[in-house]
Amino acid sequence: KMINASKITELKTLPVVGIKRDGQGNYWLQTNGRGIVIWDNRNDKIIKRIRKTDGLTSNTIYSVIESKDGSFWVGTGLGLNKIEADKNYNIKKISHYTRAQGMLGMEANKNALLQDNDGKIYYGTTSGLFINNEDTRPDHNQVKEVILQAVKLFGKPLKSTSLNKEVTSWYDYPSTLNLKHNQNNLTFEFLAINFRSADELKYQYYLEGADDKWQYPSSVNSVNYSSLQSGNYIFKIRAKAGNSSWSATTEYPFTIATPFYQTWIFRLLVIIGLILTGIVIKMIATNRKLKRQEKLQTIRMEEQNKVRQKTAEDFHDEMGNKLTRISLLTDILKGKLNLESKEALNITNQIQDNARELYTGTKDIIWSLNPSSDNIIEILDRLHIFGMDLFQETDTKFRSETLDKTYDELHLPIDYSRNIIMIFKEALHNSLKYAQAREVMLRITVTKGTIRIELKDDGKGFEIDKIKKGNGINNMNIRSGRINGDLNLLSSKGEGTVISLTFKIPQNE
């Protein structure tokens, strides 16, 4: 099949200087300045372009032959090229044969390219014939290894004695390197030996732990890394000469220590410190709040006590004096009344008795208003004095157990003392009136935040279910409820009576 370039727009402008058909039946068009164009003659289309940008030494193509191994030899304006590609023309490798490989001339002659039965390539140039034996391919320029010559820290060579006792075989730098977190500026100097293609040496490096990939090949034989972060690194370097494969990779591991402030121990300590700081701040704030509350409570109590003290004093001055005066005036009135007027005398005696009782009750109210009366020992003393006075002129023996002085600081809220006094005064009066007892005993016990006051007599007793509940017992129950107490009455005929009051000591007091 002939190629009619006049009918195919893509081929009209191509400066084709030669055509070579390959083993797949496709045509390699050799152009002047446009590289190689591979034409699919069956489908009339271009399937591949190979140019200088793909690895050719020149876009001016003078000759193409297909080798026995399936590769293609290309004579160009700047040396001989060998193209290795797969069946889809995806390029694997392009090798160059130029003056570096011993060629005297660079520019090829047109169609001056031949391979004999032994595989030798004959390449005609403007300066003579170049014969290449396939057994002496460019890989004979292979660089075996790259030598790491020096490692510098901040531009100064590292010596084995400075950071590590172990040294490399030929160069005086540590074979294993452990650096502090601020020793993070390193320079690596390296060298590859190749006498045949020294001017074509290229180095490629990669710092594992810092770089994402191998860096672009360069002829410079040193590299600097600055501001490296803490971590483990491996510096990798390789080289090649011309078209040869990359050499074996030389590796140099090193470590930059993590600063203490970036370690998990430090972070854990910071977290613990922050938690403890938060706890301390909360404790300080709570303590201050409690102190403020205590101070306010103290101020309130002081003001309350002042009011109670003043009220007690005023009440005593006003009520006490007036009641005393009523009692005195009643005595005077009795002296002036006609003794035969029994009715008037009886009324006068009632007035005097009520005045005395009112005076006595007033004294209890005045006493309870005094802040010192909130003390449990003071309450016990008050009841003891009252009981002794009440039974003084009787055959009944009254006694009370004393409370340990350790309870001297045990204070009760306001109104507790008055209600307790009124409950047991009523109980003592009832015992005097009805019990006919030989002995009356008052006892106070304090256990586990609870106070129990008990009044016991050995009188005649009574049947509780048959007793008439008058105002006295009702008032006792009401007063017990005011202090959240539990009032119990135990009695049986001939066994005496026990009245007990149990209540909890308020914690906020």
Protein backbone atom coordinates (compact mmCIF):
# COMPACT_ATOMS: atom_id res chain seq x y z
CA LYS A 1 0.00 0.00 0.00
CA MET A 2 1.35 3.38 -1.01
CA ILE A 3 1.22 6.42 1.31
CA ASN A 4 -0.48 9.32 -0.49
CA ALA A 5 0.75 12.23 1.61
CA SER A 6 -1.15 14.77 -0.53
CA LYS A 7 -4.46 13.39 0.71
CA ILE A 8 -3.45 13.33 4.42
CA THR A 9 -3.23 16.74 6.01
CA GLU A 10 -0.94 15.58 8.86
CA LEU A 11 1.72 14.41 6.41
CA LYS A 12 1.63 17.32 3.98
CA THR A 13 3.98 19.54 5.96
CA LEU A 14 6.32 16.85 7.29
CA PRO A 15 9.90 17.21 5.90
CA VAL A 16 10.32 13.45 5.45
CA VAL A 17 13.84 12.39 4.40
CA GLY A 18 13.48 8.61 4.80
CA ILE A 19 11.06 5.79 5.60
CA LYS A 20 11.65 2.48 7.39
CA ARG A 21 9.03 -0.25 7.86
CA ASP A 22 9.22 -2.15 11.19
CA GLY A 23 8.30 -5.72 12.07
CA GLN A 24 4.68 -4.76 12.87
CA GLY A 25 4.16 -3.24 9.41
CA ASN A 26 4.18 0.35 10.61
CA TYR A 27 6.37 3.02 9.02
CA TRP A 28 9.03 5.09 10.78
CA LEU A 29 9.16 8.44 8.99
CA GLN A 30 12.52 10.17 9.35
CA THR A 31 12.19 13.96 9.29
CA ASN A 32 14.43 16.96 9.07
CA GLY A 33 13.89 18.70 12.43
CA ARG A 34 10.63 16.96 13.43
CA GLY A 35 12.06 13.78 14.93
CA ILE A 36 10.53 10.37 14.15
CA VAL A 37 6.87 9.93 13.17
CA ILE A 38 5.43 6.37 13.32
CA TRP A 39 2.64 5.91 10.79
CA ASP A 40 -0.08 3.24 11.00
CA ASN A 41 -0.50 2.50 7.27
CA ARG A 42 -3.50 0.22 7.79
CA ASN A 43 -5.56 2.90 9.55
CA ASP A 44 -3.91 5.94 7.92
CA LYS A 45 -2.98 7.73 11.14
CA ILE A 46 0.01 8.79 13.21
CA ILE A 47 0.36 6.60 16.28
CA LYS A 48 3.61 7.92 17.81
CA ARG A 49 6.04 10.83 17.70
CA ILE A 50 9.56 10.52 19.11
CA ARG A 51 11.50 13.75 19.52
CA LYS A 52 14.29 15.34 21.43
CA THR A 53 11.90 15.94 24.33
CA ASP A 54 11.45 12.17 24.54
CA GLY A 55 15.21 11.55 24.81
CA LEU A 56 16.68 11.81 21.27
CA THR A 57 19.92 13.75 20.95
CA SER A 58 18.56 15.54 17.85
CA ASN A 59 15.30 16.00 15.90
CA THR A 60 17.16 15.62 12.60
CA ILE A 61 16.89 11.96 11.62
CA TYR A 62 19.03 10.46 8.82
CA SER A 63 18.49 6.71 9.24
CA VAL A 64 16.55 4.06 11.19
CA ILE A 65 17.05 0.27 11.41
CA GLU A 66 15.35 -2.36 13.57
CA SER A 67 17.75 -4.54 15.54
CA LYS A 68 17.50 -8.27 16.01
CA ASP A 69 16.49 -7.79 19.66
CA GLY A 70 13.54 -5.55 18.64
CA SER A 71 15.20 -2.26 19.52
CA PHE A 72 15.69 0.55 16.97
CA TRP A 73 18.95 2.27 16.03
CA VAL A 74 18.59 5.86 14.92
CA GLY A 75 21.23 7.97 13.18
CA THR A 76 20.77 11.67 14.03
CA GLY A 77 22.49 14.97 13.53
CA LEU A 78 24.06 14.59 16.99
CA GLY A 79 25.10 10.98 17.38
CA LEU A 80 23.67 7.48 17.35
CA ASN A 81 20.60 6.66 19.47
CA LYS A 82 19.18 3.31 20.54
CA ILE A 83 15.43 3.20 21.28
CA GLU A 84 14.01 0.41 23.42
CA ALA A 85 10.18 0.28 23.39
CA ASP A 86 7.32 -2.17 23.82
CA LYS A 87 4.97 -3.28 21.03
CA ASN A 88 2.77 -0.23 21.64
CA TYR A 89 5.82 2.00 21.17
CA ASN A 90 5.94 3.03 24.82
CA ILE A 91 9.57 4.01 25.30
CA LYS A 92 11.49 2.14 27.95
CA LYS A 93 14.90 3.64 27.36
CA ILE A 94 16.88 5.73 24.86
CA SER A 95 20.66 5.26 24.90
CA HIS A 96 23.11 7.74 23.37
CA TYR A 97 26.37 7.09 21.55
CA THR A 98 28.35 10.28 21.18
CA ARG A 99 31.94 11.49 21.59
CA ALA A 100 31.74 10.37 25.23
CA GLN A 101 31.57 6.79 23.91
CA GLY A 102 34.49 7.28 21.52
CA MET A 103 32.74 8.47 18.34
CA LEU A 104 34.85 10.75 16.14
CA GLY A 105 31.93 12.27 14.29
CA MET A 106 28.46 13.20 15.51
CA GLU A 107 26.39 13.86 12.37
CA ALA A 108 25.17 10.75 10.56
CA ASN A 109 25.15 10.21 6.82
CA LYS A 110 21.80 9.50 5.22
CA ASN A 111 20.84 5.79 5.30
CA ALA A 112 24.38 4.95 6.56
CA LEU A 113 23.27 2.51 9.26
CA LEU A 114 23.64 -1.30 9.18
CA GLN A 115 23.63 -4.29 11.52
CA ASP A 116 25.51 -7.44 10.45
CA ASN A 117 24.77 -11.04 11.33
CA ASP A 118 26.98 -10.84 14.42
CA GLY A 119 24.96 -7.94 15.81
CA LYS A 120 27.58 -5.26 15.17
CA ILE A 121 26.26 -1.83 14.27
CA TYR A 122 27.96 0.09 11.46
CA TYR A 123 27.29 3.79 11.64
CA GLY A 124 28.52 6.14 8.94
CA THR A 125 29.20 9.73 10.01
CA THR A 126 30.55 12.80 8.31
CA SER A 127 33.87 12.04 10.05
CA GLY A 128 34.12 8.32 9.38
CA LEU A 129 32.70 4.92 10.21
CA PHE A 130 31.77 3.98 13.76
CA ILE A 131 31.40 0.28 14.61
CA ASN A 132 29.60 -0.67 17.81
CA ASN A 133 29.63 -4.21 19.13
CA GLU A 134 26.35 -4.95 20.92
CA ASP A 135 28.36 -6.66 23.66
CA THR A 136 30.03 -3.34 24.50
CA ARG A 137 26.85 -1.36 25.12
CA PRO A 138 26.90 1.84 27.14
CA ASP A 139 26.12 -0.07 30.34
CA HIS A 140 29.85 -0.81 30.48
CA ASN A 141 30.09 2.75 31.74
CA GLN A 142 28.01 1.65 34.71
CA VAL A 143 28.88 3.42 37.97
CA LYS A 144 29.28 0.77 40.63
CA GLU A 145 28.77 2.89 43.71
CA VAL A 146 28.73 6.40 45.12
CA ILE A 147 31.10 7.22 47.93
CA LEU A 148 29.91 9.51 50.72
CA GLN A 149 32.99 11.61 51.39
CA ALA A 150 31.91 13.98 54.14
CA VAL A 151 29.05 14.92 56.43
CA LYS A 152 29.03 18.51 57.65
CA LEU A 153 27.07 20.05 60.49
CA PHE A 154 26.41 23.76 59.95
CA GLY A 155 29.16 23.73 57.31
CA LYS A 156 31.80 22.11 59.54
CA PRO A 157 32.93 18.50 58.93
CA LEU A 158 31.79 16.02 61.55
CA LYS A 159 34.60 14.06 63.16
CA SER A 160 34.16 10.61 64.61
CA THR A 161 35.20 11.70 68.10
CA SER A 162 32.62 14.47 68.22
CA LEU A 163 29.43 12.42 68.07
CA ASN A 164 30.26 8.74 67.79
CA LYS A 165 33.22 6.43 68.29
CA GLU A 166 32.45 4.37 65.18
CA VAL A 167 33.88 5.70 61.92
CA THR A 168 33.54 4.80 58.27
CA SER A 169 36.23 2.76 56.57
CA TRP A 170 37.91 5.58 54.62
CA TYR A 171 36.44 8.88 55.74
CA ASP A 172 36.49 10.37 59.20
CA TYR A 173 32.79 10.87 59.89
CA PRO A 174 30.48 8.86 62.18
CA SER A 175 29.04 5.69 60.70
CA THR A 176 25.97 6.18 62.89
CA LEU A 177 24.90 9.69 63.68
CA ASN A 178 22.73 10.84 66.59
CA LEU A 179 22.12 14.57 66.76
CA LYS A 180 20.42 16.92 69.19
CA HIS A 181 17.18 18.58 68.13
CA ASN A 182 18.95 21.87 67.32
CA GLN A 183 21.70 20.18 65.23
CA ASN A 184 19.55 20.23 62.12
CA ASN A 185 21.66 21.68 59.29
CA LEU A 186 23.55 18.97 57.38
CA THR A 187 25.61 18.96 54.19
CA PHE A 188 26.48 15.74 52.36
CA GLU A 189 29.42 15.52 49.94
CA PHE A 190 29.70 12.51 47.63
CA LEU A 191 31.66 11.21 44.64
CA ALA A 192 31.26 8.58 41.90
CA ILE A 193 34.24 7.30 39.85
CA ASN A 194 33.90 6.82 36.08
CA PHE A 195 36.91 7.42 33.87
CA ARG A 196 35.21 6.82 30.51
CA SER A 197 32.27 9.21 30.99
CA ALA A 198 33.28 11.49 33.84
CA ASP A 199 31.73 14.51 32.13
CA GLU A 200 28.38 12.70 31.95
CA LEU A 201 28.11 11.80 35.63
CA LYS A 202 24.75 12.61 37.19
CA TYR A 203 23.80 12.29 40.84
CA GLN A 204 20.37 11.73 42.27
CA TYR A 205 19.63 11.93 45.99
CA TYR A 206 16.69 11.34 48.28
CA LEU A 207 16.40 12.05 52.01
CA GLU A 208 13.94 9.55 53.42
CA GLY A 209 11.98 11.34 56.11
CA ALA A 210 12.14 14.74 54.41
CA ASP A 211 11.84 14.37 50.61
CA ASP A 212 8.76 12.98 48.88
CA LYS A 213 10.70 11.49 45.97
CA TRP A 214 14.12 11.26 44.30
CA GLN A 215 15.37 14.69 43.32
CA TYR A 216 16.10 15.67 39.70
CA PRO A 217 19.52 14.37 38.51
CA SER A 218 22.35 16.87 38.85
CA SER A 219 26.09 16.98 38.24
CA VAL A 220 26.63 18.75 41.60
CA ASN A 221 28.20 16.38 44.11
CA SER A 222 26.91 17.93 47.34
CA VAL A 223 23.59 18.81 48.90
CA ASN A 224 22.51 20.77 51.98
CA TYR A 225 19.47 20.20 54.19
CA SER A 226 18.57 22.88 56.72
CA SER A 227 15.95 23.18 59.47
CA LEU A 228 15.39 19.44 59.65
CA GLN A 229 12.71 18.30 62.08
CA SER A 230 13.26 15.70 64.78
CA GLY A 231 13.06 12.12 63.54
CA ASN A 232 14.83 9.22 61.83
CA TYR A 233 16.36 9.86 58.39
CA ILE A 234 18.18 7.92 55.67
CA PHE A 235 20.19 9.89 53.11
CA LYS A 236 20.25 7.99 49.79
CA ILE A 237 22.51 8.79 46.85
CA ARG A 238 23.03 7.11 43.47
CA ALA A 239 24.73 8.01 40.20
CA LYS A 240 25.00 7.10 36.53
CA ALA A 241 27.18 8.02 33.58
CA GLY A 242 25.50 8.83 30.31
CA ASN A 243 23.02 6.12 29.31
CA SER A 244 24.01 3.61 31.95
CA SER A 245 21.68 2.40 34.64
CA TRP A 246 21.67 3.92 38.10
CA SER A 247 24.33 2.66 40.44
CA ALA A 248 23.61 0.86 43.69
CA THR A 249 22.17 3.21 46.27
CA THR A 250 24.47 4.36 49.06
CA GLU A 251 22.58 4.94 52.30
CA TYR A 252 23.50 6.91 55.40
CA PRO A 253 21.09 6.77 58.36
CA PHE A 254 21.01 9.38 61.10
CA THR A 255 18.69 10.54 63.85
CA ILE A 256 17.76 13.97 65.15
CA ALA A 257 16.51 13.70 68.71
CA THR A 258 13.09 14.94 69.72
CA PRO A 259 13.28 17.88 72.14
CA PHE A 260 11.89 17.11 75.57
CA TYR A 261 9.05 19.58 75.12
CA GLN A 262 7.81 17.53 72.14
CA THR A 263 7.95 14.10 73.81
CA TRP A 264 4.82 12.29 75.01
CA ILE A 265 6.22 12.35 78.55
CA PHE A 266 6.38 16.15 78.47
CA ARG A 267 2.89 16.35 76.96
CA LEU A 268 1.58 13.98 79.63
CA LEU A 269 3.23 16.09 82.32
CA VAL A 270 1.71 19.23 80.80
CA ILE A 271 -1.74 17.61 80.77
CA ILE A 272 -1.31 16.46 84.38
CA GLY A 273 -0.02 19.92 85.29
CA LEU A 274 -2.99 21.60 83.64
CA ILE A 275 -5.39 19.24 85.39
CA LEU A 276 -3.70 19.85 88.75
CA THR A 277 -3.63 23.59 88.08
CA GLY A 278 -7.34 23.47 87.28
CA ILE A 279 -7.99 21.51 90.47
CA VAL A 280 -5.90 23.94 92.54
CA ILE A 281 -7.62 26.95 90.95
CA LYS A 282 -11.01 25.35 91.62
CA MET A 283 -10.00 24.57 95.19
CA ILE A 284 -8.76 28.13 95.71
CA ALA A 285 -11.96 29.53 94.21
CA THR A 286 -14.08 27.16 96.33
CA ASN A 287 -12.06 28.02 99.42
CA ARG A 288 -12.47 31.73 98.77
CA LYS A 289 -16.18 31.22 98.23
CA LEU A 290 -16.45 29.28 101.48
CA LYS A 291 -14.48 31.95 103.31
CA ARG A 292 -16.78 34.63 101.89
CA GLN A 293 -19.79 32.58 102.93
CA GLU A 294 -18.30 32.01 106.38
CA LYS A 295 -17.53 35.70 106.68
CA LEU A 296 -21.06 36.62 105.61
CA GLN A 297 -22.45 34.02 108.00
CA THR A 298 -20.30 35.41 110.80
CA ILE A 299 -21.46 38.94 110.02
CA ARG A 300 -25.08 37.76 109.92
CA MET A 301 -24.67 35.90 113.20
CA GLU A 302 -22.99 38.90 114.82
CA GLU A 303 -25.77 41.18 113.64
CA GLN A 304 -28.37 38.62 114.67
CA ASN A 305 -26.76 38.26 118.08
CA LYS A 306 -26.65 42.03 118.51
CA VAL A 307 -30.36 42.23 117.68
CA ARG A 308 -31.12 39.33 120.04
CA GLN A 309 -29.04 40.87 122.80
CA LYS A 310 -30.65 44.28 122.39
CA THR A 311 -34.13 42.72 122.17
CA ALA A 312 -33.47 40.75 125.35
CA GLU A 313 -32.27 43.86 127.14
CA ASP A 314 -35.19 45.96 125.91
CA PHE A 315 -37.66 43.20 126.69
CA HIS A 316 -36.22 42.85 130.17
CA ASP A 317 -36.31 46.58 130.81
CA GLU A 318 -39.84 47.03 129.50
CA MET A 319 -41.71 43.81 130.33
CA GLY A 320 -39.71 42.83 133.38
CA ASN A 321 -40.00 46.20 135.05
CA LYS A 322 -43.68 46.53 134.20
CA LEU A 323 -44.50 43.06 135.55
CA THR A 324 -42.54 43.73 138.72
CA ARG A 325 -44.43 46.98 139.15
CA ILE A 326 -47.78 45.17 138.64
CA SER A 327 -46.81 42.66 141.33
CA LEU A 328 -45.83 45.45 143.77
CA LEU A 329 -48.98 47.45 143.09
CA THR A 330 -51.03 44.31 143.68
CA ASP A 331 -49.36 43.86 147.09
CA ILE A 332 -50.19 47.49 147.96
CA LEU A 333 -53.77 47.03 146.77
CA LYS A 334 -54.19 43.92 148.93
CA GLY A 335 -53.08 45.90 151.99
CA LYS A 336 -55.74 48.50 151.43
CA LEU A 337 -58.60 46.14 150.66
CA ASN A 338 -61.14 45.23 153.33
CA LEU A 339 -60.26 41.75 154.52
CA GLU A 340 -63.97 40.94 154.56
CA SER A 341 -64.16 41.52 150.82
CA LYS A 342 -63.10 37.96 149.91
CA GLU A 343 -64.08 38.28 146.26
CA ALA A 344 -61.90 41.36 145.71
CA LEU A 345 -59.04 39.72 147.59
CA ASN A 346 -59.33 36.58 145.45
CA ILE A 347 -59.18 38.61 142.24
CA THR A 348 -56.16 40.48 143.54
CA ASN A 349 -54.38 37.19 144.32
CA GLN A 350 -55.12 35.89 140.81
CA ILE A 351 -53.67 39.07 139.30
CA GLN A 352 -50.56 38.67 141.42
CA ASP A 353 -50.14 34.95 140.56
CA ASN A 354 -50.57 35.59 136.82
CA ALA A 355 -48.10 38.45 136.96
CA ARG A 356 -45.54 36.21 138.67
CA GLU A 357 -46.09 33.42 136.13
CA LEU A 358 -45.84 35.90 133.29
CA TYR A 359 -42.64 37.27 134.78
CA THR A 360 -41.20 33.76 135.02
CA GLY A 361 -42.20 33.03 131.39
CA THR A 362 -40.77 36.35 130.32
CA LYS A 363 -37.46 35.45 131.92
CA ASP A 364 -37.38 32.25 129.78
CA ILE A 365 -38.03 34.24 126.61
CA ILE A 366 -35.36 36.79 127.55
CA TRP A 367 -32.95 33.96 128.32
CA SER A 368 -33.57 32.24 124.98
CA LEU A 369 -32.98 35.51 123.12
CA ASN A 370 -29.49 35.74 124.56
CA PRO A 371 -27.00 34.19 121.99
CA SER A 372 -25.15 32.36 124.77
CA SER A 373 -28.30 30.31 125.41
CA ASP A 374 -27.78 28.42 122.12
CA ASN A 375 -25.11 26.30 123.81
CA ILE A 376 -26.27 22.78 124.70
CA ILE A 377 -24.51 22.86 128.08
CA GLU A 378 -26.23 26.17 128.87
CA ILE A 379 -29.60 24.55 128.07
CA LEU A 380 -28.82 21.63 130.40
CA ASP A 381 -27.77 24.02 133.18
CA ARG A 382 -30.98 26.01 132.74
CA LEU A 383 -33.14 22.91 133.04
CA HIS A 384 -31.10 21.71 136.04
CA ILE A 385 -31.67 25.00 137.90
CA PHE A 386 -35.36 24.99 137.02
CA GLY A 387 -35.78 21.39 138.21
CA MET A 388 -33.92 22.02 141.47
CA ASP A 389 -36.11 25.05 142.23
CA LEU A 390 -39.29 23.21 141.26
CA PHE A 391 -38.74 20.18 143.51
CA GLN A 392 -36.98 22.04 146.34
CA GLU A 393 -39.92 22.04 148.75
CA THR A 394 -41.10 18.49 147.83
CA ASP A 395 -40.23 14.92 148.77
CA THR A 396 -39.08 14.27 145.21
CA LYS A 397 -35.35 14.19 144.55
CA PHE A 398 -34.31 15.83 141.28
CA ARG A 399 -30.96 15.35 139.65
CA SER A 400 -29.39 15.71 136.19
CA GLU A 401 -26.30 14.27 134.55
CA THR A 402 -23.63 16.73 133.53
CA LEU A 403 -22.37 16.87 129.93
CA ASP A 404 -18.70 16.66 129.01
CA LYS A 405 -17.01 20.05 128.53
CA THR A 406 -15.96 18.97 125.02
CA TYR A 407 -19.51 19.91 123.97
CA ASP A 408 -19.06 23.47 125.17
CA GLU A 409 -18.74 24.62 121.53
CA LEU A 410 -21.85 22.76 120.41
CA HIS A 411 -24.29 25.51 119.45
CA LEU A 412 -27.83 25.07 118.18
CA PRO A 413 -29.81 27.31 115.83
CA ILE A 414 -31.99 30.09 117.12
CA ASP A 415 -35.31 28.95 118.70
CA TYR A 416 -33.96 25.48 119.51
CA SER A 417 -33.11 26.43 123.11
CA ARG A 418 -36.50 28.05 123.82
CA ASN A 419 -38.48 25.12 122.40
CA ILE A 420 -36.38 22.58 124.32
CA ILE A 421 -36.78 24.54 127.58
CA MET A 422 -40.55 24.87 127.12
CA ILE A 423 -40.98 21.14 126.34
CA PHE A 424 -39.14 19.96 129.47
CA LYS A 425 -40.53 22.64 131.78
CA GLU A 426 -43.95 21.29 130.85
CA ALA A 427 -42.72 17.73 131.43
CA LEU A 428 -41.23 18.67 134.83
CA HIS A 429 -44.48 20.38 135.88
CA ASN A 430 -46.47 17.29 134.88
CA SER A 431 -44.10 15.07 136.85
CA LEU A 432 -44.52 17.26 139.93
CA LYS A 433 -48.32 17.34 139.63
CA TYR A 434 -49.14 13.74 138.72
CA ALA A 435 -46.21 11.33 139.13
CA GLN A 436 -45.82 11.24 142.95
CA ALA A 437 -42.27 10.16 142.21
CA ARG A 438 -39.43 9.67 144.64
CA GLU A 439 -36.83 10.60 142.00
CA VAL A 440 -36.78 12.51 138.71
CA MET A 441 -33.74 12.17 136.43
CA LEU A 442 -32.70 14.42 133.48
CA ARG A 443 -30.12 13.07 131.03
CA ILE A 444 -28.64 14.39 127.73
CA THR A 445 -26.63 12.16 125.34
CA VAL A 446 -24.85 13.18 122.13
CA THR A 447 -24.05 10.43 119.58
CA LYS A 448 -23.24 10.58 115.84
CA GLY A 449 -24.69 14.01 115.22
CA THR A 450 -27.83 13.34 117.26
CA ILE A 451 -28.94 14.77 120.63
CA ARG A 452 -31.30 12.86 122.94
CA ILE A 453 -32.79 14.54 126.03
CA GLU A 454 -34.57 12.21 128.42
CA LEU A 455 -36.66 12.93 131.56
CA LYS A 456 -37.43 9.86 133.67
CA ASP A 457 -39.36 9.47 136.91
CA ASP A 458 -40.19 6.47 139.11
CA GLY A 459 -43.75 7.65 139.78
CA LYS A 460 -47.05 5.84 139.56
CA GLY A 461 -47.20 6.03 135.77
CA PHE A 462 -50.32 5.82 133.66
CA GLU A 463 -51.89 4.05 130.71
CA ILE A 464 -51.03 6.10 127.63
CA ASP A 465 -54.09 5.08 125.63
CA LYS A 466 -56.36 6.32 128.44
CA ILE A 467 -54.64 9.66 128.99
CA LYS A 468 -56.38 12.85 128.00
CA LYS A 469 -54.23 14.79 125.64
CA GLY A 470 -54.57 18.37 126.77
CA ASN A 471 -52.90 21.55 125.67
CA GLY A 472 -49.68 20.67 127.49
CA ILE A 473 -48.86 17.52 125.53
CA ASN A 474 -50.10 19.05 122.26
CA ASN A 475 -47.83 22.05 122.77
CA MET A 476 -44.91 19.72 123.49
CA ASN A 477 -45.50 17.93 120.15
CA ILE A 478 -45.80 21.23 118.28
CA ARG A 479 -42.52 22.50 119.75
CA SER A 480 -40.82 19.20 118.92
CA GLY A 481 -41.92 19.57 115.29
CA ARG A 482 -40.43 23.08 115.14
CA ILE A 483 -36.94 21.67 115.67
CA ASN A 484 -37.56 18.55 113.52
CA GLY A 485 -37.46 16.42 116.65
CA ASP A 486 -39.03 13.13 117.63
CA LEU A 487 -40.94 13.27 120.96
CA ASN A 488 -41.69 9.94 122.65
CA LEU A 489 -43.77 9.25 125.76
CA LEU A 490 -43.38 5.86 127.50
CA SER A 491 -45.36 4.95 130.61
CA SER A 492 -47.25 2.14 132.29
CA LYS A 493 -49.09 1.91 135.56
CA GLY A 494 -46.71 1.51 138.50
CA GLU A 495 -43.58 1.70 136.25
CA GLY A 496 -42.98 5.42 136.01
CA THR A 497 -42.75 7.64 132.93
CA VAL A 498 -40.05 8.43 130.36
CA ILE A 499 -40.28 11.43 128.04
CA SER A 500 -37.55 11.69 125.39
CA LEU A 501 -36.78 14.21 122.67
CA THR A 502 -34.42 13.20 119.85
CA PHE A 503 -33.21 15.55 117.10
CA LYS A 504 -30.30 15.88 114.70
CA ILE A 505 -27.66 18.54 115.12
CA PRO A 506 -28.01 20.85 112.08
CA GLN A 507 -24.79 20.54 110.00
CA ASN A 508 -24.81 24.09 108.66
CA GLU A 509 -24.56 25.42 112.13
